[in-house]
PDB file of N, CA and C in Angstrom:
ATOM      1  N   MET A   1     156.608 129.129 112.990  1.00  0.00           N
ATOM      2  CA  MET A   1     155.192 129.387 113.314  1.00  0.00           C
ATOM      3  C   MET A   1     154.540 129.250 114.739  1.00  0.00           C
ATOM      4  N   SER A   2     153.412 129.896 114.784  1.00  0.00           N
ATOM      5  CA  SER A   2     152.543 129.384 116.234  1.00  0.00           C
ATOM      6  C   SER A   2     151.613 128.386 115.954  1.00  0.00           C
ATOM      7  N   ALA A   3     151.613 127.906 117.187  1.00  0.00           N
ATOM      8  CA  ALA A   3     151.320 126.347 117.734  1.00  0.00           C
ATOM      9  C   ALA A   3     149.111 126.757 117.190  1.00  0.00           C
ATOM     10  N   LYS A   4     149.423 127.546 117.256  1.00  0.00           N
ATOM     11  CA  LYS A   4     147.504 128.221 117.131  1.00  0.00           C
ATOM     12  C   LYS A   4     147.452 127.900 115.282  1.00  0.00           C
ATOM     13  N   ASN A   5     148.703 128.270 114.544  1.00  0.00           N
ATOM     14  CA  ASN A   5     148.459 128.351 112.762  1.00  0.00           C
ATOM     15  C   ASN A   5     148.787 126.202 112.925  1.00  0.00           C
ATOM     16  N   VAL A   6     149.396 125.604 113.497  1.00  0.00           N
ATOM     17  CA  VAL A   6     149.350 124.356 113.242  1.00  0.00           C
ATOM     18  C   VAL A   6     148.089 123.570 113.766  1.00  0.00           C
ATOM     19  N   VAL A   7     147.341 124.366 114.727  1.00  0.00           N
ATOM     20  CA  VAL A   7     146.417 123.371 115.074  1.00  0.00           C
ATOM     21  C   VAL A   7     145.143 123.881 113.884  1.00  0.00           C
ATOM     22  N   ARG A   8     145.529 124.933 113.614  1.00  0.00           N
ATOM     23  CA  ARG A   8     144.363 125.776 112.653  1.00  0.00           C
ATOM     24  C   ARG A   8     144.795 124.538 110.808  1.00  0.00           C
ATOM     25  N   LEU A   9     145.835 124.453 110.915  1.00  0.00           N
ATOM     26  CA  LEU A   9     146.515 123.761 109.527  1.00  0.00           C
ATOM     27  C   LEU A   9     146.273 122.060 109.656  1.00  0.00           C
ATOM     28  N   ALA A  10     146.276 121.583 110.973  1.00  0.00           N
ATOM     29  CA  ALA A  10     145.764 120.320 110.794  1.00  0.00           C
ATOM     30  C   ALA A  10     144.762 119.914 111.077  1.00  0.00           C
ATOM     31  N   LEU A  11     143.825 120.897 111.774  1.00  0.00           N
ATOM     32  CA  LEU A  11     142.056 120.686 111.612  1.00  0.00           C
ATOM     33  C   LEU A  11     141.697 120.518 109.725  1.00  0.00           C
ATOM     34  N   GLN A  12     142.120 121.686 108.758  1.00  0.00           N
ATOM     35  CA  GLN A  12     142.205 121.765 107.772  1.00  0.00           C
ATOM     36  C   GLN A  12     142.085 120.400 106.931  1.00  0.00           C
ATOM     37  N   SER A  13     143.480 119.935 107.540  1.00  0.00           N
ATOM     38  CA  SER A  13     143.884 118.800 106.589  1.00  0.00           C
ATOM     39  C   SER A  13     143.147 117.164 106.716  1.00  0.00           C
ATOM     40  N   THR A  14     142.411 117.308 108.067  1.00  0.00           N
ATOM     41  CA  THR A  14     142.066 116.332 108.579  1.00  0.00           C
ATOM     42  C   THR A  14     140.275 116.398 107.068  1.00  0.00           C
ATOM     43  N   ARG A  15     139.597 117.379 107.811  1.00  0.00           N
ATOM     44  CA  ARG A  15     138.744 117.838 107.340  1.00  0.00           C
ATOM     45  C   ARG A  15     138.282 117.232 105.619  1.00  0.00           C
ATOM     46  N   GLN A  16     139.952 117.311 105.127  1.00  0.00           N
ATOM     47  CA  GLN A  16     139.738 116.951 103.548  1.00  0.00           C
ATOM     48  C   GLN A  16     139.815 115.343 103.663  1.00  0.00           C
ATOM     49  N   PHE A  17     140.865 114.571 104.187  1.00  0.00           N
ATOM     50  CA  PHE A  17     140.309 113.751 104.549  1.00  0.00           C
ATOM     51  C   PHE A  17     139.437 112.813 105.119  1.00  0.00           C
ATOM     52  N   SER A  18     138.887 113.743 105.633  1.00  0.00           N
ATOM     53  CA  SER A  18     137.797 112.653 106.527  1.00  0.00           C
ATOM     54  C   SER A  18     136.156 113.058 105.383  1.00  0.00           C
ATOM     55  N   ARG A  19     136.035 113.333 104.729  1.00  0.00           N
ATOM     56  CA  ARG A  19     135.075 113.618 103.809  1.00  0.00           C
ATOM     57  C   ARG A  19     134.996 112.632 102.576  1.00  0.00           C
ATOM     58  N   SER A  20     133.901 112.184 102.497  1.00  0.00           N
ATOM     59  CA  SER A  20     133.372 111.453 101.578  1.00  0.00           C
ATOM     60  C   SER A  20     133.842 111.337  99.872  1.00  0.00           C
ATOM     61  N   SER A  21     133.919 110.274  98.785  1.00  0.00           N
ATOM     62  CA  SER A  21     134.391 110.647  97.684  1.00  0.00           C
ATOM     63  C   SER A  21     133.398 111.374  96.721  1.00  0.00           C
ATOM     64  N   ALA A  22     132.097 110.701  97.294  1.00  0.00           N
ATOM     65  CA  ALA A  22     130.553 111.367  96.997  1.00  0.00           C
ATOM     66  C   ALA A  22     130.682 112.378  96.730  1.00  0.00           C
ATOM     67  N   ALA A  23     130.820 113.136  97.890  1.00  0.00           N
ATOM     68  CA  ALA A  23     130.447 114.535  98.283  1.00  0.00           C
ATOM     69  C   ALA A  23     131.555 115.849  98.146  1.00  0.00           C
ATOM     70  N   SER A  24     132.606 115.148  97.745  1.00  0.00           N
ATOM     71  CA  SER A  24     133.971 116.078  97.225  1.00  0.00           C
ATOM     72  C   SER A  24     134.066 116.038  95.367  1.00  0.00           C
ATOM     73  N   SER A  25     133.585 115.119  94.826  1.00  0.00           N
ATOM     74  CA  SER A  25     133.342 114.497  93.593  1.00  0.00           C
ATOM     75  C   SER A  25     132.250 115.904  92.934  1.00  0.00           C
ATOM     76  N   ALA A  26     132.555 115.800  91.497  1.00  0.00           N
ATOM     77  CA  ALA A  26     131.170 117.149  91.505  1.00  0.00           C
ATOM     78  C   ALA A  26     130.038 116.083  90.626  1.00  0.00           C
ATOM     79  N   GLU A  27     130.286 114.243  90.647  1.00  0.00           N
ATOM     80  CA  GLU A  27     129.371 113.473  90.527  1.00  0.00           C
ATOM     81  C   GLU A  27     127.673 113.367  91.455  1.00  0.00           C
ATOM     82  N   VAL A  28     126.702 112.801  91.070  1.00  0.00           N
ATOM     83  CA  VAL A  28     125.837 112.935  91.672  1.00  0.00           C
ATOM     84  C   VAL A  28     125.460 111.445  91.833  1.00  0.00           C
ATOM     85  N   ALA A  29     125.194 110.754  92.926  1.00  0.00           N
ATOM     86  CA  ALA A  29     125.195 109.044  93.330  1.00  0.00           C
ATOM     87  C   ALA A  29     123.602 108.469  93.040  1.00  0.00           C
ATOM     88  N   ALA A  30     124.003 107.959  92.384  1.00  0.00           N
ATOM     89  CA  ALA A  30     123.154 106.683  91.509  1.00  0.00           C
ATOM     90  C   ALA A  30     121.954 106.817  92.203  1.00  0.00           C
ATOM     91  N   GLY A  31     121.433 106.735  93.649  1.00  0.00           N
ATOM     92  CA  GLY A  31     120.042 106.324  94.200  1.00  0.00           C
ATOM     93  C   GLY A  31     119.604 107.765  94.002  1.00  0.00           C
ATOM     94  N   TYR A  32     120.365 108.954  94.079  1.00  0.00           N
ATOM     95  CA  TYR A  32     119.686 110.095  94.165  1.00  0.00           C
ATOM     96  C   TYR A  32     118.987 110.768  92.709  1.00  0.00           C
ATOM     97  N   LYS A  33     119.806 110.069  91.536  1.00  0.00           N
ATOM     98  CA  LYS A  33     119.336 109.926  90.518  1.00  0.00           C
ATOM     99  C   LYS A  33     117.817 109.569  89.479  1.00  0.00           C
ATOM    100  N   GLN A  34     118.046 108.154  90.714  1.00  0.00           N
ATOM    101  CA  GLN A  34     116.605 107.060  90.903  1.00  0.00           C
ATOM    102  C   GLN A  34     115.708 108.267  91.405  1.00  0.00           C
ATOM    103  N   LEU A  35     115.727 108.615  92.195  1.00  0.00           N
ATOM    104  CA  LEU A  35     114.620 109.134  93.283  1.00  0.00           C
ATOM    105  C   LEU A  35     114.307 110.342  92.518  1.00  0.00           C
ATOM    106  N   LYS A  36     115.022 111.206  91.627  1.00  0.00           N
ATOM    107  CA  LYS A  36     115.048 112.672  90.656  1.00  0.00           C
ATOM    108  C   LYS A  36     113.806 111.855  89.575  1.00  0.00           C
ATOM    109  N   HIS A  37     114.018 110.488  89.394  1.00  0.00           N
ATOM    110  CA  HIS A  37     113.078 110.120  88.175  1.00  0.00           C
ATOM    111  C   HIS A  37     112.118 109.603  88.637  1.00  0.00           C
ATOM    112  N   ILE A  38     111.606 109.212  89.890  1.00  0.00           N
ATOM    113  CA  ILE A  38     110.552 108.767  90.555  1.00  0.00           C
ATOM    114  C   ILE A  38     109.934 110.139  90.740  1.00  0.00           C
ATOM    115  N   GLN A  39     110.433 110.695  91.073  1.00  0.00           N
ATOM    116  CA  GLN A  39     109.651 111.972  91.363  1.00  0.00           C
ATOM    117  C   GLN A  39     108.990 112.655  89.710  1.00  0.00           C
ATOM    118  N   ALA A  40     109.903 113.133  89.245  1.00  0.00           N
ATOM    119  CA  ALA A  40     109.061 113.396  87.670  1.00  0.00           C
ATOM    120  C   ALA A  40     108.265 112.489  87.536  1.00  0.00           C
ATOM    121  N   LYS A  41     108.464 111.718  87.577  1.00  0.00           N
ATOM    122  CA  LYS A  41     106.950 110.990  86.782  1.00  0.00           C
ATOM    123  C   LYS A  41     106.051 110.833  87.696  1.00  0.00           C
ATOM    124  N   PHE A  42     105.864 111.471  89.120  1.00  0.00           N
ATOM    125  CA  PHE A  42     104.598 111.776  89.632  1.00  0.00           C
ATOM    126  C   PHE A  42     104.787 113.171  89.753  1.00  0.00           C
ATOM    127  N   GLN A  43     105.145 114.159  89.301  1.00  0.00           N
ATOM    128  CA  GLN A  43     105.432 115.664  89.379  1.00  0.00           C
ATOM    129  C   GLN A  43     104.315 116.007  87.527  1.00  0.00           C
ATOM    130  N   LYS A  44     103.972 114.506  86.788  1.00  0.00           N
ATOM    131  CA  LYS A  44     104.043 114.779  85.604  1.00  0.00           C
ATOM    132  C   LYS A  44     102.175 115.227  85.421  1.00  0.00           C
ATOM    133  N   PRO A  45     102.127 116.037  84.643  1.00  0.00           N
ATOM    134  CA  PRO A  45     100.857 117.209  84.358  1.00  0.00           C
ATOM    135  C   PRO A  45     100.037 116.367  83.426  1.00  0.00           C
ATOM    136  N   ASP A  46      99.772 114.965  84.012  1.00  0.00           N
ATOM    137  CA  ASP A  46      99.305 113.677  82.673  1.00  0.00           C
ATOM    138  C   ASP A  46      97.330 114.273  83.113  1.00  0.00           C
ATOM    139  N   GLY A  47      97.356 114.324  84.116  1.00  0.00           N
ATOM    140  CA  GLY A  47      95.367 114.158  84.350  1.00  0.00           C
ATOM    141  C   GLY A  47      95.055 113.436  85.329  1.00  0.00           C
ATOM    142  N   LYS A  48      96.013 112.534  85.965  1.00  0.00           N
ATOM    143  CA  LYS A  48      95.599 111.679  86.965  1.00  0.00           C
ATOM    144  C   LYS A  48      96.083 112.141  88.327  1.00  0.00           C
ATOM    145  N   PRO A  49      95.042 111.691  89.087  1.00  0.00           N
ATOM    146  CA  PRO A  49      95.513 111.120  90.581  1.00  0.00           C
ATOM    147  C   PRO A  49      96.746 111.258  90.973  1.00  0.00           C
ATOM    148  N   VAL A  50      97.340 112.128  91.738  1.00  0.00           N
ATOM    149  CA  VAL A  50      98.932 111.171  92.421  1.00  0.00           C
ATOM    150  C   VAL A  50      98.444 109.781  92.648  1.00  0.00           C
ATOM    151  N   PHE A  51      97.479 109.270  93.228  1.00  0.00           N
ATOM    152  CA  PHE A  51      97.418 107.811  94.421  1.00  0.00           C
ATOM    153  C   PHE A  51      97.088 106.797  92.731  1.00  0.00           C
ATOM    154  N   LEU A  52      97.011 107.173  91.585  1.00  0.00           N
ATOM    155  CA  LEU A  52      97.091 106.468  89.973  1.00  0.00           C
ATOM    156  C   LEU A  52      97.984 106.779  89.739  1.00  0.00           C
ATOM    157  N   LYS A  53      99.143 106.784  89.912  1.00  0.00           N
ATOM    158  CA  LYS A  53     100.559 107.122  88.826  1.00  0.00           C
ATOM    159  C   LYS A  53     101.328 106.107  88.909  1.00  0.00           C
ATOM    160  N   GLY A  54     101.267 105.193  89.736  1.00  0.00           N
ATOM    161  CA  GLY A  54     102.519 104.338  89.972  1.00  0.00           C
ATOM    162  C   GLY A  54     102.363 102.871  88.941  1.00  0.00           C
ATOM    163  N   GLY A  55     100.759 102.965  88.449  1.00  0.00           N
ATOM    164  CA  GLY A  55     100.977 102.088  87.855  1.00  0.00           C
ATOM    165  C   GLY A  55      99.885 101.630  87.541  1.00  0.00           C
ATOM    166  N   PRO A  56      99.858 100.311  86.926  1.00  0.00           N
ATOM    167  CA  PRO A  56      98.492  98.670  87.251  1.00  0.00           C
ATOM    168  C   PRO A  56      98.409  98.800  88.416  1.00  0.00           C
ATOM    169  N   VAL A  57      99.134  98.673  89.360  1.00  0.00           N
ATOM    170  CA  VAL A  57      98.800  97.832  90.602  1.00  0.00           C
ATOM    171  C   VAL A  57      98.627  98.896  91.662  1.00  0.00           C
ATOM    172  N   ASP A  58      98.350 100.023  91.240  1.00  0.00           N
ATOM    173  CA  ASP A  58      98.023 100.958  91.970  1.00  0.00           C
ATOM    174  C   ASP A  58      96.337 101.091  91.528  1.00  0.00           C
ATOM    175  N   ASN A  59      96.494 101.250  89.895  1.00  0.00           N
ATOM    176  CA  ASN A  59      94.521 100.725  89.708  1.00  0.00           C
ATOM    177  C   ASN A  59      93.846  99.791  89.900  1.00  0.00           C
ATOM    178  N   VAL A  60      94.220  98.267  90.454  1.00  0.00           N
ATOM    179  CA  VAL A  60      93.602  97.043  90.912  1.00  0.00           C
ATOM    180  C   VAL A  60      93.425  97.687  92.164  1.00  0.00           C
ATOM    181  N   MET A  61      94.622  98.113  93.038  1.00  0.00           N
ATOM    182  CA  MET A  61      94.187  98.657  94.244  1.00  0.00           C
ATOM    183  C   MET A  61      92.820  99.872  94.345  1.00  0.00           C
ATOM    184  N   PHE A  62      93.119 100.331  93.945  1.00  0.00           N
ATOM    185  CA  PHE A  62      91.591 101.604  94.283  1.00  0.00           C
ATOM    186  C   PHE A  62      90.796 100.958  93.834  1.00  0.00           C
ATOM    187  N   MET A  63      90.416 100.422  92.692  1.00  0.00           N
ATOM    188  CA  MET A  63      89.540  99.370  92.141  1.00  0.00           C
ATOM    189  C   MET A  63      88.369  98.387  93.723  1.00  0.00           C
ATOM    190  N   VAL A  64      89.803  97.801  94.478  1.00  0.00           N
ATOM    191  CA  VAL A  64      89.289  96.576  95.418  1.00  0.00           C
ATOM    192  C   VAL A  64      88.839  97.208  96.349  1.00  0.00           C
ATOM    193  N   THR A  65      89.890  99.258  96.522  1.00  0.00           N
ATOM    194  CA  THR A  65      88.890  99.702  97.679  1.00  0.00           C
ATOM    195  C   THR A  65      87.588 100.335  97.265  1.00  0.00           C
ATOM    196  N   CYS A  66      86.800 100.788  95.984  1.00  0.00           N
ATOM    197  CA  CYS A  66      85.804 100.795  95.563  1.00  0.00           C
ATOM    198  C   CYS A  66      84.813 100.352  95.951  1.00  0.00           C
ATOM    199  N   VAL A  67      85.084  98.507  95.255  1.00  0.00           N
ATOM    200  CA  VAL A  67      84.576  97.514  95.622  1.00  0.00           C
ATOM    201  C   VAL A  67      84.416  96.914  97.352  1.00  0.00           C
ATOM    202  N   LEU A  68      85.300  96.863  97.858  1.00  0.00           N
ATOM    203  CA  LEU A  68      84.772  97.174  99.368  1.00  0.00           C
ATOM    204  C   LEU A  68      84.310  98.364  99.922  1.00  0.00           C
ATOM    205  N   CYS A  69      84.448  99.564  99.810  1.00  0.00           N
ATOM    206  CA  CYS A  69      83.547 100.621 100.208  1.00  0.00           C
ATOM    207  C   CYS A  69      82.013 100.572 100.020  1.00  0.00           C
ATOM    208  N   LEU A  70      82.053  99.956  98.709  1.00  0.00           N
ATOM    209  CA  LEU A  70      80.389  99.730  97.885  1.00  0.00           C
ATOM    210  C   LEU A  70      79.369  98.398  98.822  1.00  0.00           C
ATOM    211  N   ALA A  71      80.134  97.656  99.199  1.00  0.00           N
ATOM    212  CA  ALA A  71      80.023  96.158  99.701  1.00  0.00           C
ATOM    213  C   ALA A  71      79.502  96.216 101.302  1.00  0.00           C
ATOM    214  N   GLY A  72      80.572  97.948 102.192  1.00  0.00           N
ATOM    215  CA  GLY A  72      80.797  98.018 103.120  1.00  0.00           C
ATOM    216  C   GLY A  72      79.053  98.709 103.406  1.00  0.00           C
ATOM    217  N   ILE A  73      78.707  99.816 101.907  1.00  0.00           N
ATOM    218  CA  ILE A  73      77.903 100.900 102.455  1.00  0.00           C
ATOM    219  C   ILE A  73      76.481  99.780 101.901  1.00  0.00           C
ATOM    220  N   ALA A  74      76.436  98.918 101.135  1.00  0.00           N
ATOM    221  CA  ALA A  74      75.424  97.911 100.930  1.00  0.00           C
ATOM    222  C   ALA A  74      74.921  97.249 102.152  1.00  0.00           C
ATOM    223  N   GLY A  75      75.921  96.449 102.725  1.00  0.00           N
ATOM    224  CA  GLY A  75      75.711  95.864 104.187  1.00  0.00           C
ATOM    225  C   GLY A  75      74.701  96.433 105.484  1.00  0.00           C
ATOM    226  N   MET A  76      75.337  97.552 105.479  1.00  0.00           N
ATOM    227  CA  MET A  76      75.106  99.131 106.503  1.00  0.00           C
ATOM    228  C   MET A  76      73.294  99.162 106.092  1.00  0.00           C
ATOM    229  N   SER A  77      73.480  99.624 104.849  1.00  0.00           N
ATOM    230  CA  SER A  77      71.809  99.381 104.120  1.00  0.00           C
ATOM    231  C   SER A  77      70.626  98.757 104.219  1.00  0.00           C
ATOM    232  N   LYS A  78      71.436  97.553 104.169  1.00  0.00           N
ATOM    233  CA  LYS A  78      70.935  95.922 104.676  1.00  0.00           C
ATOM    234  C   LYS A  78      70.184  96.047 106.437  1.00  0.00           C
ATOM    235  N   LEU A  79      71.624  96.656 107.705  1.00  0.00           N
ATOM    236  CA  LEU A  79      71.397  96.231 108.599  1.00  0.00           C
ATOM    237  C   LEU A  79      70.222  97.256 109.094  1.00  0.00           C
ATOM    238  N   ILE A  80      70.363  98.592 108.150  1.00  0.00           N
ATOM    239  CA  ILE A  80      69.420 100.048 108.843  1.00  0.00           C
ATOM    240  C   ILE A  80      68.012  99.441 108.653  1.00  0.00           C
ATOM    241  N   TYR A  81      67.692  98.625 107.164  1.00  0.00           N
ATOM    242  CA  TYR A  81      66.616  98.574 106.692  1.00  0.00           C
ATOM    243  C   TYR A  81      65.580  97.420 107.629  1.00  0.00           C
ATOM    244  N   GLN A  82      66.448  96.315 108.360  1.00  0.00           N
ATOM    245  CA  GLN A  82      66.135  95.373 109.378  1.00  0.00           C
ATOM    246  C   GLN A  82      65.919  95.796 110.283  1.00  0.00           C
ATOM    247  N   LEU A  83      66.970  96.746 110.674  1.00  0.00           N
ATOM    248  CA  LEU A  83      66.125  97.465 111.989  1.00  0.00           C
ATOM    249  C   LEU A  83      65.132  98.119 112.170  1.00  0.00           C
ATOM    250  N   SER A  84      64.789  99.193 110.664  1.00  0.00           N
ATOM    251  CA  SER A  84      63.792  99.854 111.034  1.00  0.00           C
ATOM    252  C   SER A  84      62.652  98.823 110.744  1.00  0.00           C
ATOM    253  N   TYR A  85      62.670  97.521 110.155  1.00  0.00           N
ATOM    254  CA  TYR A  85      61.445  96.992 110.324  1.00  0.00           C
ATOM    255  C   TYR A  85      61.573  95.707 110.630  1.00  0.00           C
ATOM    256  N   PRO A  86      61.414  95.643 111.824  1.00  0.00           N
ATOM    257  CA  PRO A  86      61.694  94.068 112.238  1.00  0.00           C
ATOM    258  C   PRO A  86      61.091  93.426 111.877  1.00  0.00           C
ATOM    259  N   PRO A  87      60.833  91.870 112.197  1.00  0.00           N
ATOM    260  CA  PRO A  87      59.521  91.120 111.313  1.00  0.00           C
ATOM    261  C   PRO A  87      58.476  90.938 112.581  1.00  0.00           C
ATOM    262  N   LYS A  88      58.141  90.354 112.153  1.00  0.00           N
ATOM    263  CA  LYS A  88      56.337  90.261 113.425  1.00  0.00           C
ATOM    264  C   LYS A  88      56.525  89.123 113.966  1.00  0.00           C
ATOM    265  N   PRO A  89      56.709  89.463 115.446  1.00  0.00           N
ATOM    266  CA  PRO A  89      56.706  88.109 116.227  1.00  0.00           C
ATOM    267  C   PRO A  89      55.061  87.061 115.843  1.00  0.00           C
ATOM    268  N   ALA A  90      55.762  85.699 115.441  1.00  0.00           N
ATOM    269  CA  ALA A  90      54.858  84.462 115.159  1.00  0.00           C
ATOM    270  C   ALA A  90      53.358  84.316 116.279  1.00  0.00           C
ATOM    271  N   GLU A  91      52.373  84.490 115.835  1.00  0.00           N
ATOM    272  CA  GLU A  91      51.158  84.548 116.306  1.00  0.00           C
ATOM    273  C   GLU A  91      50.939  83.040 116.640  1.00  0.00           C
ATOM    274  N   GLU A  92      50.706  82.728 118.247  1.00  0.00           N
ATOM    275  CA  GLU A  92      50.411  81.464 118.595  1.00  0.00           C
ATOM    276  C   GLU A  92      48.994  80.737 118.447  1.00  0.00           C
TER     277      GLU A  92
END
């Protein structure tokens, strides 16, 4: 055996020992299965937008956002009205 073959054999044997058990076995990690389950839930064609597919918490956050947007629009409309029609100065 030449030195070149010995080095190649040593490298191959160290690769086998350095592999993780999950990479060398046929099983899939539990975290990967959970991730695929979550992805399937969000990709299901049920007619809902993706930002509402998280459940009831997403619905509540969406409604709070809508209410805050409407309150902001109402406040800006009030400000524009007040600036457009300023109060008349008091006559003495």
